[in-house]
Amino acid sequence: MDSYSNTSSGSSPQLSAQDLKNQLKSQLALEYAQQFLETVRGKCFEKCITKPGSSLSGSESSCISRCVDRYIEATGIISKALFSGSQ
């Protein structure tokens, strides 16, 4: 049998439906955060870093900060619109 089957044998404890739901939510949130960071890192690096070097210039640092802030703000607006419309 696979690991998702309900069996009474074995030593692993059975998860309640709520525990399973919470675990799934946590895994999805982690995956979303990783994808978000990867996207922001790529887009902001491409936009702001003109000459890669051992350190960031002041303008590059400011650009990255603004870029990340905009992505966070836009994601919040989109999330609110999506989740407020489904209730």
PDB file of N, CA and C in Angstrom:
ATOM      1  N   MET A   1       0.829  -1.200   0.000  1.00  0.00           N
ATOM      2  CA  MET A   1       0.000   0.000   0.000  1.00  0.00           C
ATOM      3  C   MET A   1       0.863   1.250   0.000  1.00  0.00           C
ATOM      4  N   ASP A   2       0.316   2.348  -0.501  1.00  0.00           N
ATOM      5  CA  ASP A   2       1.087   3.588  -0.502  1.00  0.00           C
ATOM      6  C   ASP A   2       0.986   4.290   0.853  1.00  0.00           C
ATOM      7  N   SER A   3       1.761   5.346   1.028  1.00  0.00           N
ATOM      8  CA  SER A   3       1.831   6.031   2.314  1.00  0.00           C
ATOM      9  C   SER A   3       0.582   6.845   2.628  1.00  0.00           C
ATOM     10  N   TYR A   4      -0.343   6.999   1.667  1.00  0.00           N
ATOM     11  CA  TYR A   4      -1.542   7.779   1.894  1.00  0.00           C
ATOM     12  C   TYR A   4      -2.727   6.916   2.313  1.00  0.00           C
ATOM     13  N   SER A   5      -2.555   5.627   2.290  1.00  0.00           N
ATOM     14  CA  SER A   5      -3.640   4.726   2.646  1.00  0.00           C
ATOM     15  C   SER A   5      -3.833   4.683   4.151  1.00  0.00           C
ATOM     16  N   ASN A   6      -5.082   4.536   4.570  1.00  0.00           N
ATOM     17  CA  ASN A   6      -5.366   4.379   5.990  1.00  0.00           C
ATOM     18  C   ASN A   6      -5.178   2.931   6.361  1.00  0.00           C
ATOM     19  N   THR A   7      -4.224   2.678   7.202  1.00  0.00           N
ATOM     20  CA  THR A   7      -4.001   1.318   7.679  1.00  0.00           C
ATOM     21  C   THR A   7      -3.893   1.360   9.187  1.00  0.00           C
ATOM     22  N   SER A   8      -4.334   0.301   9.823  1.00  0.00           N
ATOM     23  CA  SER A   8      -4.248   0.255  11.267  1.00  0.00           C
ATOM     24  C   SER A   8      -2.919  -0.320  11.710  1.00  0.00           C
ATOM     25  N   SER A   9      -2.184  -0.940  10.794  1.00  0.00           N
ATOM     26  CA  SER A   9      -0.881  -1.472  11.151  1.00  0.00           C
ATOM     27  C   SER A   9       0.179  -0.411  10.944  1.00  0.00           C
ATOM     28  N   GLY A  10       1.307  -0.569  11.577  1.00  0.00           N
ATOM     29  CA  GLY A  10       2.385   0.413  11.448  1.00  0.00           C
ATOM     30  C   GLY A  10       2.447   1.291  12.669  1.00  0.00           C
ATOM     31  N   SER A  11       3.571   1.935  12.847  1.00  0.00           N
ATOM     32  CA  SER A  11       3.767   2.723  14.051  1.00  0.00           C
ATOM     33  C   SER A  11       3.554   4.216  13.847  1.00  0.00           C
ATOM     34  N   SER A  12       3.310   4.670  12.610  1.00  0.00           N
ATOM     35  CA  SER A  12       3.141   6.101  12.386  1.00  0.00           C
ATOM     36  C   SER A  12       1.747   6.544  12.817  1.00  0.00           C
ATOM     37  N   PRO A  13       1.662   7.669  13.519  1.00  0.00           N
ATOM     38  CA  PRO A  13       0.360   8.150  13.981  1.00  0.00           C
ATOM     39  C   PRO A  13      -0.467   8.660  12.796  1.00  0.00           C
ATOM     40  N   GLN A  14      -1.767   8.537  12.905  1.00  0.00           N
ATOM     41  CA  GLN A  14      -2.664   9.007  11.864  1.00  0.00           C
ATOM     42  C   GLN A  14      -2.909  10.501  12.066  1.00  0.00           C
ATOM     43  N   LEU A  15      -2.868  11.260  10.994  1.00  0.00           N
ATOM     44  CA  LEU A  15      -3.134  12.693  11.058  1.00  0.00           C
ATOM     45  C   LEU A  15      -4.629  12.930  10.910  1.00  0.00           C
ATOM     46  N   SER A  16      -5.140  13.878  11.664  1.00  0.00           N
ATOM     47  CA  SER A  16      -6.530  14.262  11.495  1.00  0.00           C
ATOM     48  C   SER A  16      -6.650  15.041  10.187  1.00  0.00           C
ATOM     49  N   ALA A  17      -7.871  15.197   9.725  1.00  0.00           N
ATOM     50  CA  ALA A  17      -8.093  15.951   8.494  1.00  0.00           C
ATOM     51  C   ALA A  17      -7.611  17.391   8.654  1.00  0.00           C
ATOM     52  N   GLN A  18      -7.831  17.979   9.828  1.00  0.00           N
ATOM     53  CA  GLN A  18      -7.395  19.354  10.076  1.00  0.00           C
ATOM     54  C   GLN A  18      -5.873  19.448  10.102  1.00  0.00           C
ATOM     55  N   ASP A  19      -5.206  18.466  10.725  1.00  0.00           N
ATOM     56  CA  ASP A  19      -3.741  18.453  10.749  1.00  0.00           C
ATOM     57  C   ASP A  19      -3.187  18.351   9.334  1.00  0.00           C
ATOM     58  N   LEU A  20      -3.782  17.498   8.544  1.00  0.00           N
ATOM     59  CA  LEU A  20      -3.338  17.326   7.160  1.00  0.00           C
ATOM     60  C   LEU A  20      -3.544  18.612   6.364  1.00  0.00           C
ATOM     61  N   LYS A  21      -4.687  19.249   6.579  1.00  0.00           N
ATOM     62  CA  LYS A  21      -4.987  20.517   5.900  1.00  0.00           C
ATOM     63  C   LYS A  21      -3.972  21.581   6.301  1.00  0.00           C
ATOM     64  N   ASN A  22      -3.658  21.673   7.592  1.00  0.00           N
ATOM     65  CA  ASN A  22      -2.683  22.660   8.071  1.00  0.00           C
ATOM     66  C   ASN A  22      -1.296  22.385   7.510  1.00  0.00           C
ATOM     67  N   GLN A  23      -0.924  21.119   7.449  1.00  0.00           N
ATOM     68  CA  GLN A  23       0.380  20.747   6.909  1.00  0.00           C
ATOM     69  C   GLN A  23       0.463  21.124   5.423  1.00  0.00           C
ATOM     70  N   LEU A  24      -0.596  20.869   4.688  1.00  0.00           N
ATOM     71  CA  LEU A  24      -0.639  21.205   3.268  1.00  0.00           C
ATOM     72  C   LEU A  24      -0.565  22.720   3.065  1.00  0.00           C
ATOM     73  N   LYS A  25      -1.290  23.483   3.891  1.00  0.00           N
ATOM     74  CA  LYS A  25      -1.236  24.939   3.801  1.00  0.00           C
ATOM     75  C   LYS A  25       0.186  25.449   4.038  1.00  0.00           C
ATOM     76  N   SER A  26       0.859  24.878   5.021  1.00  0.00           N
ATOM     77  CA  SER A  26       2.229  25.291   5.322  1.00  0.00           C
ATOM     78  C   SER A  26       3.168  24.990   4.166  1.00  0.00           C
ATOM     79  N   GLN A  27       3.019  23.818   3.578  1.00  0.00           N
ATOM     80  CA  GLN A  27       3.876  23.447   2.447  1.00  0.00           C
ATOM     81  C   GLN A  27       3.613  24.346   1.246  1.00  0.00           C
ATOM     82  N   LEU A  28       2.344  24.653   0.987  1.00  0.00           N
ATOM     83  CA  LEU A  28       2.014  25.534  -0.135  1.00  0.00           C
ATOM     84  C   LEU A  28       2.533  26.950   0.104  1.00  0.00           C
ATOM     85  N   ALA A  29       2.428  27.437   1.331  1.00  0.00           N
ATOM     86  CA  ALA A  29       2.930  28.774   1.647  1.00  0.00           C
ATOM     87  C   ALA A  29       4.440  28.832   1.459  1.00  0.00           C
ATOM     88  N   LEU A  30       5.150  27.808   1.882  1.00  0.00           N
ATOM     89  CA  LEU A  30       6.597  27.765   1.713  1.00  0.00           C
ATOM     90  C   LEU A  30       6.972  27.743   0.236  1.00  0.00           C
ATOM     91  N   GLU A  31       6.286  26.936  -0.535  1.00  0.00           N
ATOM     92  CA  GLU A  31       6.561  26.864  -1.979  1.00  0.00           C
ATOM     93  C   GLU A  31       6.278  28.204  -2.652  1.00  0.00           C
ATOM     94  N   TYR A  32       5.181  28.842  -2.270  1.00  0.00           N
ATOM     95  CA  TYR A  32       4.843  30.149  -2.837  1.00  0.00           C
ATOM     96  C   TYR A  32       5.923  31.177  -2.495  1.00  0.00           C
ATOM     97  N   ALA A  33       6.355  31.181  -1.252  1.00  0.00           N
ATOM     98  CA  ALA A  33       7.388  32.132  -0.831  1.00  0.00           C
ATOM     99  C   ALA A  33       8.687  31.908  -1.601  1.00  0.00           C
ATOM    100  N   GLN A  34       9.063  30.659  -1.802  1.00  0.00           N
ATOM    101  CA  GLN A  34      10.292  30.369  -2.549  1.00  0.00           C
ATOM    102  C   GLN A  34      10.170  30.833  -3.999  1.00  0.00           C
ATOM    103  N   GLN A  35       9.021  30.583  -4.623  1.00  0.00           N
ATOM    104  CA  GLN A  35       8.825  31.030  -6.005  1.00  0.00           C
ATOM    105  C   GLN A  35       8.817  32.551  -6.093  1.00  0.00           C
ATOM    106  N   PHE A  36       8.175  33.191  -5.120  1.00  0.00           N
ATOM    107  CA  PHE A  36       8.120  34.650  -5.098  1.00  0.00           C
ATOM    108  C   PHE A  36       9.528  35.232  -5.005  1.00  0.00           C
ATOM    109  N   LEU A  37      10.325  34.719  -4.084  1.00  0.00           N
ATOM    110  CA  LEU A  37      11.690  35.221  -3.917  1.00  0.00           C
ATOM    111  C   LEU A  37      12.540  34.990  -5.157  1.00  0.00           C
ATOM    112  N   GLU A  38      12.363  33.848  -5.786  1.00  0.00           N
ATOM    113  CA  GLU A  38      13.119  33.549  -7.005  1.00  0.00           C
ATOM    114  C   GLU A  38      12.738  34.520  -8.125  1.00  0.00           C
ATOM    115  N   THR A  39      11.459  34.799  -8.266  1.00  0.00           N
ATOM    116  CA  THR A  39      10.983  35.729  -9.288  1.00  0.00           C
ATOM    117  C   THR A  39      11.505  37.138  -9.028  1.00  0.00           C
ATOM    118  N   VAL A  40      11.348  37.587  -7.783  1.00  0.00           N
ATOM    119  CA  VAL A  40      11.796  38.935  -7.429  1.00  0.00           C
ATOM    120  C   VAL A  40      13.303  39.058  -7.619  1.00  0.00           C
ATOM    121  N   ARG A  41      14.035  38.056  -7.158  1.00  0.00           N
ATOM    122  CA  ARG A  41      15.493  38.087  -7.289  1.00  0.00           C
ATOM    123  C   ARG A  41      15.889  38.223  -8.760  1.00  0.00           C
ATOM    124  N   GLY A  42      15.304  37.419  -9.609  1.00  0.00           N
ATOM    125  CA  GLY A  42      15.642  37.454 -11.030  1.00  0.00           C
ATOM    126  C   GLY A  42      15.260  38.760 -11.702  1.00  0.00           C
ATOM    127  N   LYS A  43      14.031  39.199 -11.480  1.00  0.00           N
ATOM    128  CA  LYS A  43      13.544  40.417 -12.130  1.00  0.00           C
ATOM    129  C   LYS A  43      14.288  41.652 -11.638  1.00  0.00           C
ATOM    130  N   CYS A  44      14.463  41.753 -10.328  1.00  0.00           N
ATOM    131  CA  CYS A  44      15.118  42.945  -9.779  1.00  0.00           C
ATOM    132  C   CYS A  44      16.600  42.960 -10.123  1.00  0.00           C
ATOM    133  N   PHE A  45      17.241  41.809 -10.133  1.00  0.00           N
ATOM    134  CA  PHE A  45      18.652  41.759 -10.513  1.00  0.00           C
ATOM    135  C   PHE A  45      18.801  42.220 -11.954  1.00  0.00           C
ATOM    136  N   GLU A  46      17.952  41.686 -12.832  1.00  0.00           N
ATOM    137  CA  GLU A  46      18.023  42.047 -14.252  1.00  0.00           C
ATOM    138  C   GLU A  46      17.791  43.540 -14.460  1.00  0.00           C
ATOM    139  N   LYS A  47      16.854  44.103 -13.716  1.00  0.00           N
ATOM    140  CA  LYS A  47      16.510  45.515 -13.868  1.00  0.00           C
ATOM    141  C   LYS A  47      17.561  46.440 -13.248  1.00  0.00           C
ATOM    142  N   CYS A  48      18.121  46.063 -12.110  1.00  0.00           N
ATOM    143  CA  CYS A  48      18.912  47.002 -11.311  1.00  0.00           C
ATOM    144  C   CYS A  48      20.428  46.840 -11.394  1.00  0.00           C
ATOM    145  N   ILE A  49      20.904  45.659 -11.680  1.00  0.00           N
ATOM    146  CA  ILE A  49      22.349  45.424 -11.655  1.00  0.00           C
ATOM    147  C   ILE A  49      22.884  45.509 -13.084  1.00  0.00           C
ATOM    148  N   THR A  50      23.548  46.610 -13.373  1.00  0.00           N
ATOM    149  CA  THR A  50      24.048  46.818 -14.732  1.00  0.00           C
ATOM    150  C   THR A  50      25.446  46.238 -14.914  1.00  0.00           C
ATOM    151  N   LYS A  51      26.251  46.328 -13.869  1.00  0.00           N
ATOM    152  CA  LYS A  51      27.618  45.797 -13.920  1.00  0.00           C
ATOM    153  C   LYS A  51      27.879  44.978 -12.654  1.00  0.00           C
ATOM    154  N   PRO A  52      27.645  43.659 -12.714  1.00  0.00           N
ATOM    155  CA  PRO A  52      27.875  42.839 -11.518  1.00  0.00           C
ATOM    156  C   PRO A  52      29.312  42.985 -11.014  1.00  0.00           C
ATOM    157  N   GLY A  53      29.445  43.092  -9.722  1.00  0.00           N
ATOM    158  CA  GLY A  53      30.751  43.236  -9.096  1.00  0.00           C
ATOM    159  C   GLY A  53      30.730  42.637  -7.708  1.00  0.00           C
ATOM    160  N   SER A  54      31.727  42.984  -6.924  1.00  0.00           N
ATOM    161  CA  SER A  54      31.832  42.410  -5.582  1.00  0.00           C
ATOM    162  C   SER A  54      30.914  43.102  -4.571  1.00  0.00           C
ATOM    163  N   SER A  55      30.376  44.272  -4.927  1.00  0.00           N
ATOM    164  CA  SER A  55      29.448  44.969  -4.033  1.00  0.00           C
ATOM    165  C   SER A  55      28.473  45.788  -4.873  1.00  0.00           C
ATOM    166  N   LEU A  56      27.394  46.221  -4.216  1.00  0.00           N
ATOM    167  CA  LEU A  56      26.383  47.015  -4.904  1.00  0.00           C
ATOM    168  C   LEU A  56      26.713  48.498  -4.776  1.00  0.00           C
ATOM    169  N   SER A  57      26.444  49.236  -5.831  1.00  0.00           N
ATOM    170  CA  SER A  57      26.564  50.692  -5.734  1.00  0.00           C
ATOM    171  C   SER A  57      25.335  51.212  -4.992  1.00  0.00           C
ATOM    172  N   GLY A  58      25.381  52.453  -4.596  1.00  0.00           N
ATOM    173  CA  GLY A  58      24.239  53.056  -3.904  1.00  0.00           C
ATOM    174  C   GLY A  58      22.984  53.044  -4.752  1.00  0.00           C
ATOM    175  N   SER A  59      23.129  53.355  -6.035  1.00  0.00           N
ATOM    176  CA  SER A  59      21.950  53.387  -6.917  1.00  0.00           C
ATOM    177  C   SER A  59      21.403  51.983  -7.151  1.00  0.00           C
ATOM    178  N   GLU A  60      22.278  50.990  -7.241  1.00  0.00           N
ATOM    179  CA  GLU A  60      21.820  49.605  -7.409  1.00  0.00           C
ATOM    180  C   GLU A  60      21.068  49.136  -6.164  1.00  0.00           C
ATOM    181  N   SER A  61      21.599  49.470  -5.012  1.00  0.00           N
ATOM    182  CA  SER A  61      20.966  49.088  -3.754  1.00  0.00           C
ATOM    183  C   SER A  61      19.583  49.732  -3.617  1.00  0.00           C
ATOM    184  N   SER A  62      19.476  51.004  -3.950  1.00  0.00           N
ATOM    185  CA  SER A  62      18.189  51.708  -3.905  1.00  0.00           C
ATOM    186  C   SER A  62      17.204  51.116  -4.896  1.00  0.00           C
ATOM    187  N   CYS A  63      17.682  50.813  -6.094  1.00  0.00           N
ATOM    188  CA  CYS A  63      16.841  50.231  -7.131  1.00  0.00           C
ATOM    189  C   CYS A  63      16.282  48.880  -6.682  1.00  0.00           C
ATOM    190  N   ILE A  64      17.135  48.046  -6.116  1.00  0.00           N
ATOM    191  CA  ILE A  64      16.691  46.732  -5.652  1.00  0.00           C
ATOM    192  C   ILE A  64      15.658  46.877  -4.543  1.00  0.00           C
ATOM    193  N   SER A  65      15.901  47.780  -3.624  1.00  0.00           N
ATOM    194  CA  SER A  65      14.971  48.011  -2.521  1.00  0.00           C
ATOM    195  C   SER A  65      13.598  48.436  -3.043  1.00  0.00           C
ATOM    196  N   ARG A  66      13.589  49.393  -3.963  1.00  0.00           N
ATOM    197  CA  ARG A  66      12.318  49.853  -4.548  1.00  0.00           C
ATOM    198  C   ARG A  66      11.632  48.735  -5.334  1.00  0.00           C
ATOM    199  N   CYS A  67      12.411  47.977  -6.083  1.00  0.00           N
ATOM    200  CA  CYS A  67      11.878  46.886  -6.896  1.00  0.00           C
ATOM    201  C   CYS A  67      11.197  45.836  -6.014  1.00  0.00           C
ATOM    202  N   VAL A  68      11.875  45.417  -4.956  1.00  0.00           N
ATOM    203  CA  VAL A  68      11.312  44.416  -4.047  1.00  0.00           C
ATOM    204  C   VAL A  68      10.058  44.969  -3.377  1.00  0.00           C
ATOM    205  N   ASP A  69      10.096  46.214  -2.932  1.00  0.00           N
ATOM    206  CA  ASP A  69       8.920  46.840  -2.306  1.00  0.00           C
ATOM    207  C   ASP A  69       7.728  46.846  -3.257  1.00  0.00           C
ATOM    208  N   ARG A  70       7.969  47.158  -4.518  1.00  0.00           N
ATOM    209  CA  ARG A  70       6.879  47.170  -5.506  1.00  0.00           C
ATOM    210  C   ARG A  70       6.300  45.783  -5.717  1.00  0.00           C
ATOM    211  N   TYR A  71       7.154  44.766  -5.796  1.00  0.00           N
ATOM    212  CA  TYR A  71       6.662  43.395  -5.956  1.00  0.00           C
ATOM    213  C   TYR A  71       5.836  42.962  -4.752  1.00  0.00           C
ATOM    214  N   ILE A  72       6.284  43.300  -3.561  1.00  0.00           N
ATOM    215  CA  ILE A  72       5.540  42.938  -2.353  1.00  0.00           C
ATOM    216  C   ILE A  72       4.180  43.648  -2.342  1.00  0.00           C
ATOM    217  N   GLU A  73       4.183  44.928  -2.655  1.00  0.00           N
ATOM    218  CA  GLU A  73       2.936  45.689  -2.685  1.00  0.00           C
ATOM    219  C   GLU A  73       1.975  45.137  -3.744  1.00  0.00           C
ATOM    220  N   ALA A  74       2.481  44.868  -4.930  1.00  0.00           N
ATOM    221  CA  ALA A  74       1.635  44.337  -6.003  1.00  0.00           C
ATOM    222  C   ALA A  74       1.064  42.968  -5.633  1.00  0.00           C
ATOM    223  N   THR A  75       1.873  42.131  -5.029  1.00  0.00           N
ATOM    224  CA  THR A  75       1.404  40.807  -4.616  1.00  0.00           C
ATOM    225  C   THR A  75       0.306  40.933  -3.572  1.00  0.00           C
ATOM    226  N   GLY A  76       0.456  41.874  -2.637  1.00  0.00           N
ATOM    227  CA  GLY A  76      -0.577  42.101  -1.626  1.00  0.00           C
ATOM    228  C   GLY A  76      -1.887  42.555  -2.246  1.00  0.00           C
ATOM    229  N   ILE A  77      -1.811  43.466  -3.196  1.00  0.00           N
ATOM    230  CA  ILE A  77      -3.017  43.963  -3.866  1.00  0.00           C
ATOM    231  C   ILE A  77      -3.711  42.834  -4.625  1.00  0.00           C
ATOM    232  N   ILE A  78      -2.943  42.044  -5.346  1.00  0.00           N
ATOM    233  CA  ILE A  78      -3.512  40.938  -6.111  1.00  0.00           C
ATOM    234  C   ILE A  78      -4.131  39.898  -5.171  1.00  0.00           C
ATOM    235  N   SER A  79      -3.440  39.590  -4.090  1.00  0.00           N
ATOM    236  CA  SER A  79      -3.959  38.612  -3.125  1.00  0.00           C
ATOM    237  C   SER A  79      -5.276  39.093  -2.520  1.00  0.00           C
ATOM    238  N   LYS A  80      -5.338  40.363  -2.128  1.00  0.00           N
ATOM    239  CA  LYS A  80      -6.569  40.907  -1.560  1.00  0.00           C
ATOM    240  C   LYS A  80      -7.707  40.792  -2.564  1.00  0.00           C
ATOM    241  N   ALA A  81      -7.430  41.143  -3.812  1.00  0.00           N
ATOM    242  CA  ALA A  81      -8.474  41.102  -4.846  1.00  0.00           C
ATOM    243  C   ALA A  81      -8.946  39.665  -5.074  1.00  0.00           C
ATOM    244  N   LEU A  82      -8.027  38.745  -5.107  1.00  0.00           N
ATOM    245  CA  LEU A  82      -8.398  37.349  -5.335  1.00  0.00           C
ATOM    246  C   LEU A  82      -9.187  36.759  -4.177  1.00  0.00           C
ATOM    247  N   PHE A  83      -8.711  36.998  -2.966  1.00  0.00           N
ATOM    248  CA  PHE A  83      -9.326  36.354  -1.810  1.00  0.00           C
ATOM    249  C   PHE A  83     -10.559  37.070  -1.305  1.00  0.00           C
ATOM    250  N   SER A  84     -10.685  38.370  -1.541  1.00  0.00           N
ATOM    251  CA  SER A  84     -11.905  39.057  -1.115  1.00  0.00           C
ATOM    252  C   SER A  84     -13.050  38.775  -2.080  1.00  0.00           C
ATOM    253  N   GLY A  85     -12.727  38.459  -3.314  1.00  0.00           N
ATOM    254  CA  GLY A  85     -13.748  38.117  -4.299  1.00  0.00           C
ATOM    255  C   GLY A  85     -14.319  36.725  -4.140  1.00  0.00           C
ATOM    256  N   SER A  86     -13.602  35.846  -3.408  1.00  0.00           N
ATOM    257  CA  SER A  86     -14.068  34.470  -3.264  1.00  0.00           C
ATOM    258  C   SER A  86     -14.917  34.260  -2.034  1.00  0.00           C
ATOM    259  N   GLN A  87     -15.117  35.302  -1.225  1.00  0.00           N
ATOM    260  CA  GLN A  87     -15.893  35.124   0.005  1.00  0.00           C
ATOM    261  C   GLN A  87     -17.297  35.607  -0.161  1.00  0.00           C
TER     262      GLN A  87
END
